[in-house]
């Protein structure tokens, strides 16, 4: 149980770190922006999402992944990536998120799919080592 808890925490921290740096990079390139965000004069990204929402969703994702078969893993990654792309369109409708004209939500789908796969592999390896 203790090893699993450490693996959850390490994976959530990795997700937060990677999400933060990806957001910083992509907003710096002008591919998207966060018009409504905490501390806009200090941060160009939505730190609430990267520091709170993303780690919590990561722990939920890992908890679900532990309970699924190999085929279920693939299904959950695809469904989660599609859900995140859909949430982005809703966030745009509420003015929380703005993409540039060259952005495609297919990029979000592929990016989240890769991100979740990396987090799952990290979790498994960390759990085995610990």
N, C-alpha and C. Protein backbone atom coordinates (compact mmCIF):
# COMPACT_ATOMS: atom_id res chain seq x y z
N UNK A 1 0.83 -1.20 0.00
CA UNK A 1 0.00 0.00 0.00
C UNK A 1 0.86 1.25 0.00
N UNK A 2 1.93 1.21 0.79
CA UNK A 2 2.82 2.37 0.87
C UNK A 2 3.52 2.64 -0.47
N UNK A 3 3.93 1.58 -1.14
CA UNK A 3 4.59 1.71 -2.44
C UNK A 3 3.61 2.28 -3.47
N UNK A 4 2.38 1.84 -3.41
CA UNK A 4 1.36 2.34 -4.34
C UNK A 4 1.12 3.84 -4.11
N UNK A 5 1.05 4.24 -2.85
CA UNK A 5 0.83 5.65 -2.52
C UNK A 5 1.98 6.50 -3.05
N UNK A 6 3.21 6.02 -2.87
CA UNK A 6 4.37 6.77 -3.38
C UNK A 6 4.34 6.84 -4.90
N UNK A 7 3.93 5.77 -5.54
CA UNK A 7 3.85 5.77 -7.00
C UNK A 7 2.77 6.75 -7.48
N UNK A 8 1.65 6.81 -6.78
CA UNK A 8 0.60 7.78 -7.11
C UNK A 8 1.13 9.22 -6.98
N UNK A 9 1.79 9.50 -5.88
CA UNK A 9 2.30 10.85 -5.63
C UNK A 9 3.36 11.22 -6.66
N UNK A 10 4.29 10.32 -6.92
CA UNK A 10 5.33 10.60 -7.92
C UNK A 10 4.73 10.82 -9.30
N UNK A 11 3.74 10.02 -9.66
CA UNK A 11 3.10 10.16 -10.97
C UNK A 11 2.31 11.46 -11.07
N UNK A 12 1.62 11.82 -10.00
CA UNK A 12 0.87 13.08 -9.99
C UNK A 12 1.82 14.27 -10.10
N UNK A 13 2.95 14.20 -9.41
CA UNK A 13 3.95 15.27 -9.51
C UNK A 13 4.54 15.35 -10.91
N UNK A 14 4.83 14.20 -11.51
CA UNK A 14 5.33 14.19 -12.88
C UNK A 14 4.30 14.80 -13.83
N UNK A 15 3.04 14.41 -13.68
CA UNK A 15 1.98 14.94 -14.53
C UNK A 15 1.88 16.46 -14.39
N UNK A 16 1.96 16.95 -13.17
CA UNK A 16 1.90 18.38 -12.93
C UNK A 16 3.09 19.09 -13.56
N UNK A 17 4.26 18.55 -13.39
CA UNK A 17 5.49 19.14 -13.93
C UNK A 17 5.46 19.15 -15.46
N UNK A 18 5.14 18.02 -16.06
CA UNK A 18 5.09 17.94 -17.53
C UNK A 18 3.99 18.86 -18.07
N UNK A 19 2.82 18.84 -17.43
CA UNK A 19 1.73 19.71 -17.87
C UNK A 19 2.08 21.18 -17.79
N UNK A 20 2.75 21.56 -16.72
CA UNK A 20 3.16 22.96 -16.55
C UNK A 20 4.13 23.37 -17.65
N UNK A 21 5.14 22.57 -17.88
CA UNK A 21 6.13 22.93 -18.89
C UNK A 21 5.59 22.86 -20.31
N UNK A 22 4.70 21.92 -20.59
CA UNK A 22 4.07 21.90 -21.90
C UNK A 22 3.20 23.14 -22.12
N UNK A 23 2.44 23.52 -21.10
CA UNK A 23 1.63 24.73 -21.21
C UNK A 23 2.50 25.96 -21.40
N UNK A 24 3.58 26.06 -20.64
CA UNK A 24 4.48 27.21 -20.80
C UNK A 24 5.07 27.26 -22.21
N UNK A 25 5.48 26.12 -22.72
CA UNK A 25 6.06 26.06 -24.06
C UNK A 25 5.03 26.43 -25.13
N UNK A 26 3.85 25.81 -25.05
CA UNK A 26 2.84 26.01 -26.09
C UNK A 26 2.21 27.40 -26.04
N UNK A 27 2.06 27.97 -24.84
CA UNK A 27 1.57 29.35 -24.76
C UNK A 27 2.65 30.31 -25.25
N UNK A 28 3.90 29.99 -24.96
CA UNK A 28 5.01 30.81 -25.45
C UNK A 28 5.09 30.81 -26.97
N UNK A 29 4.74 29.70 -27.60
CA UNK A 29 4.71 29.60 -29.06
C UNK A 29 3.46 30.25 -29.65
N UNK A 30 2.52 30.64 -28.78
CA UNK A 30 1.30 31.28 -29.24
C UNK A 30 0.25 30.33 -29.79
N UNK A 31 0.35 29.04 -29.47
CA UNK A 31 -0.62 28.07 -29.96
C UNK A 31 -1.93 28.10 -29.19
N UNK A 32 -1.87 28.50 -27.94
CA UNK A 32 -3.09 28.72 -27.16
C UNK A 32 -2.81 29.65 -26.01
N UNK A 33 -3.90 30.09 -25.38
CA UNK A 33 -3.79 31.04 -24.26
C UNK A 33 -4.90 30.77 -23.27
N UNK A 34 -4.71 31.28 -22.06
CA UNK A 34 -5.68 31.16 -20.98
C UNK A 34 -6.13 32.56 -20.57
N UNK A 35 -7.20 33.07 -21.17
CA UNK A 35 -7.63 34.44 -20.85
C UNK A 35 -8.06 34.62 -19.40
N UNK A 36 -8.71 33.62 -18.83
CA UNK A 36 -9.16 33.68 -17.43
C UNK A 36 -8.33 32.66 -16.65
N UNK A 37 -7.44 33.18 -15.80
CA UNK A 37 -6.55 32.30 -15.05
C UNK A 37 -6.17 32.96 -13.73
N UNK A 38 -5.80 32.16 -12.74
CA UNK A 38 -5.36 32.75 -11.47
C UNK A 38 -4.02 33.49 -11.65
N UNK A 39 -3.88 34.61 -11.00
CA UNK A 39 -2.67 35.41 -11.03
C UNK A 39 -2.18 35.72 -12.45
N UNK A 40 -3.02 36.36 -13.27
CA UNK A 40 -2.65 36.59 -14.66
C UNK A 40 -1.42 37.49 -14.84
N UNK A 41 -1.14 38.34 -13.87
CA UNK A 41 0.04 39.20 -14.01
C UNK A 41 1.34 38.44 -13.73
N UNK A 42 1.23 37.26 -13.13
CA UNK A 42 2.41 36.48 -12.78
C UNK A 42 2.60 35.28 -13.71
N UNK A 43 1.50 34.56 -14.01
CA UNK A 43 1.59 33.33 -14.79
C UNK A 43 0.86 33.47 -16.12
N UNK A 44 1.47 32.94 -17.17
CA UNK A 44 0.83 32.95 -18.48
C UNK A 44 -0.03 31.70 -18.70
N UNK A 45 0.00 30.79 -17.73
CA UNK A 45 -0.78 29.55 -17.83
C UNK A 45 -1.76 29.47 -16.67
N UNK A 46 -2.68 28.54 -16.77
CA UNK A 46 -3.65 28.31 -15.69
C UNK A 46 -3.02 27.36 -14.67
N UNK A 47 -2.42 27.93 -13.64
CA UNK A 47 -1.72 27.09 -12.66
C UNK A 47 -2.67 26.25 -11.83
N UNK A 48 -3.93 26.66 -11.70
CA UNK A 48 -4.90 25.84 -10.97
C UNK A 48 -5.07 24.50 -11.67
N UNK A 49 -5.16 24.54 -13.01
CA UNK A 49 -5.31 23.30 -13.76
C UNK A 49 -4.08 22.41 -13.61
N UNK A 50 -2.89 22.99 -13.81
CA UNK A 50 -1.68 22.16 -13.79
C UNK A 50 -1.26 21.72 -12.40
N UNK A 51 -1.61 22.48 -11.38
CA UNK A 51 -1.18 22.14 -10.03
C UNK A 51 -2.23 21.40 -9.20
N UNK A 52 -3.50 21.49 -9.59
CA UNK A 52 -4.56 20.85 -8.80
C UNK A 52 -5.36 19.85 -9.64
N UNK A 53 -5.96 20.33 -10.71
CA UNK A 53 -6.85 19.48 -11.51
C UNK A 53 -6.10 18.33 -12.16
N UNK A 54 -5.00 18.63 -12.83
CA UNK A 54 -4.25 17.59 -13.53
C UNK A 54 -3.72 16.50 -12.59
N UNK A 55 -3.12 16.82 -11.45
CA UNK A 55 -2.68 15.75 -10.54
C UNK A 55 -3.84 14.90 -10.00
N UNK A 56 -4.95 15.55 -9.65
CA UNK A 56 -6.10 14.78 -9.15
C UNK A 56 -6.68 13.86 -10.22
N UNK A 57 -6.80 14.38 -11.43
CA UNK A 57 -7.28 13.54 -12.54
C UNK A 57 -6.30 12.42 -12.85
N UNK A 58 -5.03 12.68 -12.68
CA UNK A 58 -4.01 11.65 -12.90
C UNK A 58 -4.17 10.51 -11.91
N UNK A 59 -4.38 10.83 -10.65
CA UNK A 59 -4.56 9.79 -9.64
C UNK A 59 -5.82 8.97 -9.94
N UNK A 60 -6.91 9.64 -10.32
CA UNK A 60 -8.13 8.92 -10.70
C UNK A 60 -7.88 8.02 -11.90
N UNK A 61 -7.18 8.55 -12.90
CA UNK A 61 -6.84 7.78 -14.10
C UNK A 61 -6.03 6.53 -13.72
N UNK A 62 -5.01 6.68 -12.88
CA UNK A 62 -4.17 5.55 -12.48
C UNK A 62 -4.97 4.53 -11.67
N UNK A 63 -5.84 5.02 -10.81
CA UNK A 63 -6.68 4.12 -10.01
C UNK A 63 -7.56 3.27 -10.93
N UNK A 64 -8.14 3.90 -11.94
CA UNK A 64 -8.97 3.17 -12.89
C UNK A 64 -8.13 2.19 -13.72
N UNK A 65 -6.96 2.63 -14.15
CA UNK A 65 -6.09 1.78 -14.98
C UNK A 65 -5.69 0.51 -14.24
N UNK A 66 -5.48 0.60 -12.95
CA UNK A 66 -5.10 -0.58 -12.16
C UNK A 66 -6.17 -1.67 -12.20
N UNK A 67 -7.38 -1.28 -12.41
CA UNK A 67 -8.51 -2.20 -12.33
C UNK A 67 -8.93 -2.75 -13.69
N UNK A 68 -8.22 -2.39 -14.75
CA UNK A 68 -8.62 -2.78 -16.09
C UNK A 68 -7.65 -3.80 -16.69
N UNK A 69 -8.15 -4.49 -17.70
CA UNK A 69 -7.30 -5.41 -18.47
C UNK A 69 -6.45 -4.60 -19.45
N UNK A 70 -5.59 -5.28 -20.15
CA UNK A 70 -4.71 -4.61 -21.14
C UNK A 70 -5.54 -3.89 -22.21
N UNK A 71 -6.58 -4.53 -22.69
CA UNK A 71 -7.45 -3.89 -23.67
C UNK A 71 -8.20 -2.71 -23.04
N UNK A 72 -8.58 -2.86 -21.79
CA UNK A 72 -9.23 -1.78 -21.05
C UNK A 72 -8.32 -0.57 -20.90
N UNK A 73 -7.01 -0.82 -20.74
CA UNK A 73 -6.05 0.28 -20.66
C UNK A 73 -6.11 1.13 -21.91
N UNK A 74 -6.07 0.47 -23.04
CA UNK A 74 -6.12 1.19 -24.32
C UNK A 74 -7.43 1.96 -24.45
N UNK A 75 -8.52 1.33 -24.07
CA UNK A 75 -9.83 1.99 -24.15
C UNK A 75 -9.92 3.21 -23.25
N UNK A 76 -9.39 3.09 -22.03
CA UNK A 76 -9.44 4.23 -21.11
C UNK A 76 -8.55 5.37 -21.59
N UNK A 77 -7.39 5.06 -22.13
CA UNK A 77 -6.51 6.11 -22.66
C UNK A 77 -7.18 6.84 -23.81
N UNK A 78 -7.78 6.10 -24.73
CA UNK A 78 -8.45 6.72 -25.87
C UNK A 78 -9.66 7.53 -25.40
N UNK A 79 -10.45 6.96 -24.50
CA UNK A 79 -11.64 7.68 -24.01
C UNK A 79 -11.24 8.94 -23.24
N UNK A 80 -10.20 8.85 -22.41
CA UNK A 80 -9.75 10.01 -21.64
C UNK A 80 -9.20 11.10 -22.55
N UNK A 81 -8.43 10.71 -23.57
CA UNK A 81 -7.89 11.69 -24.51
C UNK A 81 -9.02 12.38 -25.27
N UNK A 82 -10.02 11.62 -25.68
CA UNK A 82 -11.17 12.21 -26.39
C UNK A 82 -11.96 13.13 -25.46
N UNK A 83 -12.11 12.72 -24.23
CA UNK A 83 -12.82 13.55 -23.25
C UNK A 83 -12.09 14.87 -23.00
N UNK A 84 -10.78 14.83 -22.89
CA UNK A 84 -10.01 16.05 -22.68
C UNK A 84 -10.12 16.99 -23.87
N UNK A 85 -10.09 16.44 -25.08
CA UNK A 85 -10.27 17.27 -26.28
C UNK A 85 -11.66 17.91 -26.28
N UNK A 86 -12.66 17.15 -25.85
CA UNK A 86 -14.02 17.69 -25.76
C UNK A 86 -14.12 18.77 -24.69
N UNK A 87 -13.46 18.54 -23.55
CA UNK A 87 -13.45 19.56 -22.49
C UNK A 87 -12.78 20.84 -22.95
N UNK A 88 -11.78 20.72 -23.79
CA UNK A 88 -11.12 21.92 -24.31
C UNK A 88 -12.09 22.77 -25.13
N UNK A 89 -12.93 22.12 -25.93
CA UNK A 89 -13.89 22.89 -26.72
C UNK A 89 -14.91 23.57 -25.81
N UNK A 90 -15.31 22.90 -24.73
CA UNK A 90 -16.22 23.53 -23.77
C UNK A 90 -15.54 24.69 -23.05
N UNK A 91 -14.27 24.51 -22.69
CA UNK A 91 -13.52 25.59 -22.03
C UNK A 91 -13.39 26.80 -22.96
N UNK A 92 -13.25 26.54 -24.24
CA UNK A 92 -13.21 27.64 -25.22
C UNK A 92 -14.54 28.38 -25.25
N UNK A 93 -15.63 27.63 -25.18
CA UNK A 93 -16.95 28.25 -25.20
C UNK A 93 -17.18 29.15 -23.98
N UNK A 94 -16.56 28.81 -22.85
CA UNK A 94 -16.69 29.61 -21.63
C UNK A 94 -15.61 30.68 -21.52
N UNK A 95 -14.74 30.77 -22.51
CA UNK A 95 -13.70 31.79 -22.51
C UNK A 95 -12.52 31.48 -21.61
N UNK A 96 -12.36 30.22 -21.20
CA UNK A 96 -11.24 29.84 -20.33
C UNK A 96 -9.99 29.47 -21.12
N UNK A 97 -10.19 29.22 -22.40
CA UNK A 97 -9.12 28.67 -23.23
C UNK A 97 -9.30 29.21 -24.64
N UNK A 98 -8.24 29.61 -25.30
CA UNK A 98 -8.30 30.11 -26.68
C UNK A 98 -7.17 29.47 -27.46
N UNK A 99 -7.51 28.85 -28.58
CA UNK A 99 -6.50 28.26 -29.46
C UNK A 99 -6.22 29.18 -30.64
N UNK A 100 -5.03 29.06 -31.21
CA UNK A 100 -4.71 29.81 -32.42
C UNK A 100 -5.43 29.17 -33.60
N UNK A 101 -5.42 29.86 -34.72
CA UNK A 101 -6.12 29.37 -35.92
C UNK A 101 -5.50 28.09 -36.46
N UNK A 102 -4.23 27.85 -36.19
CA UNK A 102 -3.56 26.65 -36.72
C UNK A 102 -3.75 25.42 -35.84
N UNK A 103 -4.39 25.58 -34.69
CA UNK A 103 -4.57 24.46 -33.77
C UNK A 103 -5.70 23.54 -34.21
N UNK A 104 -5.50 22.27 -34.03
CA UNK A 104 -6.53 21.26 -34.29
C UNK A 104 -6.74 20.48 -32.99
N UNK A 105 -7.98 20.16 -32.66
CA UNK A 105 -8.23 19.39 -31.44
C UNK A 105 -7.73 17.96 -31.57
N UNK A 106 -7.39 17.57 -32.78
CA UNK A 106 -6.74 16.28 -32.97
C UNK A 106 -5.36 16.29 -32.29
N UNK A 107 -4.70 17.45 -32.26
CA UNK A 107 -3.43 17.59 -31.55
C UNK A 107 -3.63 17.32 -30.06
N UNK A 108 -4.71 17.84 -29.51
CA UNK A 108 -5.01 17.63 -28.09
C UNK A 108 -5.27 16.15 -27.83
N UNK A 109 -6.04 15.53 -28.70
CA UNK A 109 -6.35 14.11 -28.55
C UNK A 109 -5.07 13.28 -28.57
N UNK A 110 -4.21 13.51 -29.55
CA UNK A 110 -2.96 12.76 -29.65
C UNK A 110 -2.03 13.09 -28.48
N UNK A 111 -1.95 14.35 -28.13
CA UNK A 111 -1.08 14.77 -27.03
C UNK A 111 -1.49 14.17 -25.70
N UNK A 112 -2.78 14.21 -25.39
CA UNK A 112 -3.24 13.61 -24.13
C UNK A 112 -3.08 12.10 -24.14
N UNK A 113 -3.28 11.48 -25.30
CA UNK A 113 -3.06 10.03 -25.39
C UNK A 113 -1.62 9.66 -25.09
N UNK A 114 -0.69 10.40 -25.65
CA UNK A 114 0.73 10.17 -25.39
C UNK A 114 1.07 10.48 -23.93
N UNK A 115 0.56 11.60 -23.43
CA UNK A 115 0.79 12.01 -22.05
C UNK A 115 0.32 10.93 -21.07
N UNK A 116 -0.89 10.43 -21.26
CA UNK A 116 -1.44 9.41 -20.35
C UNK A 116 -0.68 8.10 -20.45
N UNK A 117 -0.23 7.75 -21.64
CA UNK A 117 0.57 6.54 -21.81
C UNK A 117 1.89 6.66 -21.06
N UNK A 118 2.52 7.82 -21.16
CA UNK A 118 3.79 8.05 -20.44
C UNK A 118 3.57 8.00 -18.93
N UNK A 119 2.52 8.64 -18.45
CA UNK A 119 2.23 8.63 -17.01
C UNK A 119 1.96 7.21 -16.53
N UNK A 120 1.20 6.43 -17.29
CA UNK A 120 0.90 5.06 -16.90
C UNK A 120 2.18 4.21 -16.85
N UNK A 121 3.04 4.35 -17.85
CA UNK A 121 4.29 3.60 -17.86
C UNK A 121 5.20 4.02 -16.70
N UNK A 122 5.25 5.32 -16.42
CA UNK A 122 6.04 5.81 -15.28
C UNK A 122 5.51 5.20 -13.99
N UNK A 123 4.20 5.23 -13.81
CA UNK A 123 3.57 4.69 -12.60
C UNK A 123 3.94 3.21 -12.42
N UNK A 124 3.81 2.44 -13.48
CA UNK A 124 4.11 1.01 -13.39
C UNK A 124 5.57 0.76 -13.01
N UNK A 125 6.47 1.48 -13.64
CA UNK A 125 7.90 1.30 -13.34
C UNK A 125 8.24 1.76 -11.93
N UNK A 126 7.68 2.90 -11.54
CA UNK A 126 7.95 3.41 -10.19
C UNK A 126 7.41 2.44 -9.15
N UNK A 127 6.24 1.90 -9.39
CA UNK A 127 5.62 0.97 -8.45
C UNK A 127 6.46 -0.32 -8.34
N UNK A 128 7.00 -0.79 -9.46
CA UNK A 128 7.84 -1.99 -9.45
C UNK A 128 9.16 -1.76 -8.72
N UNK A 129 9.76 -0.60 -8.94
CA UNK A 129 11.05 -0.30 -8.31
C UNK A 129 10.90 -0.14 -6.82
N UNK A 130 9.83 0.55 -6.41
CA UNK A 130 9.61 0.82 -4.99
C UNK A 130 9.10 -0.44 -4.36
